[in-house]
Amino acid sequence: MPQEDSFDLAFEALVQDRFIIGDPDDCVRELRRYIDALGVNCFIFRIQWPGMEQTKVLRTIALLAEHVMPALQR
């Protein structure tokens, strides 16, 4: 983390331009921002964190496959 950055921020400010978190519509909107601004066509998603419940991980995979990816292919 750059020296001038700090974790002493509101959650929304901390995650802005750093993480994509939210429901499928939020994620599509944020991913589209990168597609439009940078022309990217490949993303790497980290959907499992240490200690995360397996059911949440599987739900996230399903949401990505059923809602996010199809919306980005249009």
C-alpha atoms as a PDB file:
ATOM      1  CA  MET A   1       0.000   0.000   0.000  1.00  0.00           C
ATOM      2  CA  PRO A   2       1.433   3.418  -0.883  1.00  0.00           C
ATOM      3  CA  GLN A   3       2.746   5.399   2.099  1.00  0.00           C
ATOM      4  CA  GLU A   4       0.223   8.208   1.647  1.00  0.00           C
ATOM      5  CA  ASP A   5      -2.704   5.757   1.805  1.00  0.00           C
ATOM      6  CA  SER A   6      -4.385   4.760   5.043  1.00  0.00           C
ATOM      7  CA  PHE A   7      -7.001   2.292   6.248  1.00  0.00           C
ATOM      8  CA  ASP A   8      -8.439   5.101   8.398  1.00  0.00           C
ATOM      9  CA  LEU A   9     -11.242   5.830   5.900  1.00  0.00           C
ATOM     10  CA  ALA A  10     -14.922   5.142   5.512  1.00  0.00           C
ATOM     11  CA  PHE A  11     -15.511   1.731   3.917  1.00  0.00           C
ATOM     12  CA  GLU A  12     -16.861   3.262   0.686  1.00  0.00           C
ATOM     13  CA  ALA A  13     -13.757   5.445   0.300  1.00  0.00           C
ATOM     14  CA  LEU A  14     -11.436   2.552   1.094  1.00  0.00           C
ATOM     15  CA  VAL A  15     -12.842   0.205  -1.549  1.00  0.00           C
ATOM     16  CA  GLN A  16     -13.275   2.848  -4.281  1.00  0.00           C
ATOM     17  CA  ASP A  17     -11.085   1.975  -7.287  1.00  0.00           C
ATOM     18  CA  ARG A  18      -9.548  -0.843  -5.250  1.00  0.00           C
ATOM     19  CA  PHE A  19     -12.169  -3.583  -4.970  1.00  0.00           C
ATOM     20  CA  ILE A  20     -15.414  -4.427  -6.709  1.00  0.00           C
ATOM     21  CA  ILE A  21     -17.983  -5.412  -4.112  1.00  0.00           C
ATOM     22  CA  GLY A  22     -21.752  -5.517  -4.372  1.00  0.00           C
ATOM     23  CA  ASP A  23     -24.695  -7.205  -5.989  1.00  0.00           C
ATOM     24  CA  PRO A  24     -24.435  -8.379  -9.628  1.00  0.00           C
ATOM     25  CA  ASP A  25     -25.679  -5.028 -10.994  1.00  0.00           C
ATOM     26  CA  ASP A  26     -23.081  -3.123  -8.940  1.00  0.00           C
ATOM     27  CA  CYS A  27     -20.336  -5.430 -10.176  1.00  0.00           C
ATOM     28  CA  VAL A  28     -21.388  -5.166 -13.831  1.00  0.00           C
ATOM     29  CA  ARG A  29     -21.472  -1.370 -13.554  1.00  0.00           C
ATOM     30  CA  GLU A  30     -17.980  -1.227 -12.043  1.00  0.00           C
ATOM     31  CA  LEU A  31     -16.505  -3.754 -14.479  1.00  0.00           C
ATOM     32  CA  ARG A  32     -18.008  -1.811 -17.397  1.00  0.00           C
ATOM     33  CA  ARG A  33     -16.222   1.279 -16.083  1.00  0.00           C
ATOM     34  CA  TYR A  34     -12.883  -0.480 -16.546  1.00  0.00           C
ATOM     35  CA  ILE A  35     -13.899  -1.905 -19.916  1.00  0.00           C
ATOM     36  CA  ASP A  36     -14.956   1.507 -21.200  1.00  0.00           C
ATOM     37  CA  ALA A  37     -12.093   3.514 -19.695  1.00  0.00           C
ATOM     38  CA  LEU A  38      -9.231   1.099 -20.312  1.00  0.00           C
ATOM     39  CA  GLY A  39     -10.471  -1.282 -22.989  1.00  0.00           C
ATOM     40  CA  VAL A  40      -9.688  -4.314 -20.855  1.00  0.00           C
ATOM     41  CA  ASN A  41     -11.109  -7.667 -21.897  1.00  0.00           C
ATOM     42  CA  CYS A  42      -9.762  -9.911 -19.150  1.00  0.00           C
ATOM     43  CA  PHE A  43     -10.344  -9.855 -15.395  1.00  0.00           C
ATOM     44  CA  ILE A  44      -9.039 -11.977 -12.549  1.00  0.00           C
ATOM     45  CA  PHE A  45     -11.547 -12.416  -9.722  1.00  0.00           C
ATOM     46  CA  ARG A  46     -10.559 -13.313  -6.185  1.00  0.00           C
ATOM     47  CA  ILE A  47     -13.753 -14.661  -4.737  1.00  0.00           C
ATOM     48  CA  GLN A  48     -12.485 -16.672  -1.792  1.00  0.00           C
ATOM     49  CA  TRP A  49     -10.691 -15.260   1.214  1.00  0.00           C
ATOM     50  CA  PRO A  50      -9.212 -17.136   4.200  1.00  0.00           C
ATOM     51  CA  GLY A  51     -11.941 -18.193   6.579  1.00  0.00           C
ATOM     52  CA  MET A  52     -14.756 -17.542   4.116  1.00  0.00           C
ATOM     53  CA  GLU A  53     -17.634 -20.001   4.260  1.00  0.00           C
ATOM     54  CA  GLN A  54     -17.696 -22.395   1.295  1.00  0.00           C
ATOM     55  CA  THR A  55     -21.403 -21.744   0.708  1.00  0.00           C
ATOM     56  CA  LYS A  56     -20.659 -18.030   0.162  1.00  0.00           C
ATOM     57  CA  VAL A  57     -17.864 -18.863  -2.267  1.00  0.00           C
ATOM     58  CA  LEU A  58     -20.143 -21.165  -4.279  1.00  0.00           C
ATOM     59  CA  ARG A  59     -22.916 -18.554  -4.274  1.00  0.00           C
ATOM     60  CA  THR A  60     -20.464 -15.944  -5.589  1.00  0.00           C
ATOM     61  CA  ILE A  61     -19.341 -18.277  -8.386  1.00  0.00           C
ATOM     62  CA  ALA A  62     -22.979 -18.874  -9.337  1.00  0.00           C
ATOM     63  CA  LEU A  63     -23.790 -15.139  -9.316  1.00  0.00           C
ATOM     64  CA  LEU A  64     -20.780 -14.420 -11.536  1.00  0.00           C
ATOM     65  CA  ALA A  65     -21.719 -17.179 -13.973  1.00  0.00           C
ATOM     66  CA  GLU A  66     -25.467 -16.501 -14.082  1.00  0.00           C
ATOM     67  CA  HIS A  67     -25.637 -12.704 -13.911  1.00  0.00           C
ATOM     68  CA  VAL A  68     -22.324 -10.858 -14.246  1.00  0.00           C
ATOM     69  CA  MET A  69     -20.594 -12.667 -17.105  1.00  0.00           C
ATOM     70  CA  PRO A  70     -23.664 -12.790 -19.377  1.00  0.00           C
ATOM     71  CA  ALA A  71     -24.253  -9.055 -18.817  1.00  0.00           C
ATOM     72  CA  LEU A  72     -20.668  -8.282 -19.856  1.00  0.00           C
ATOM     73  CA  GLN A  73     -20.891 -10.397 -23.007  1.00  0.00           C
ATOM     74  CA  ARG A  74     -23.749  -8.280 -24.388  1.00  0.00           C
END
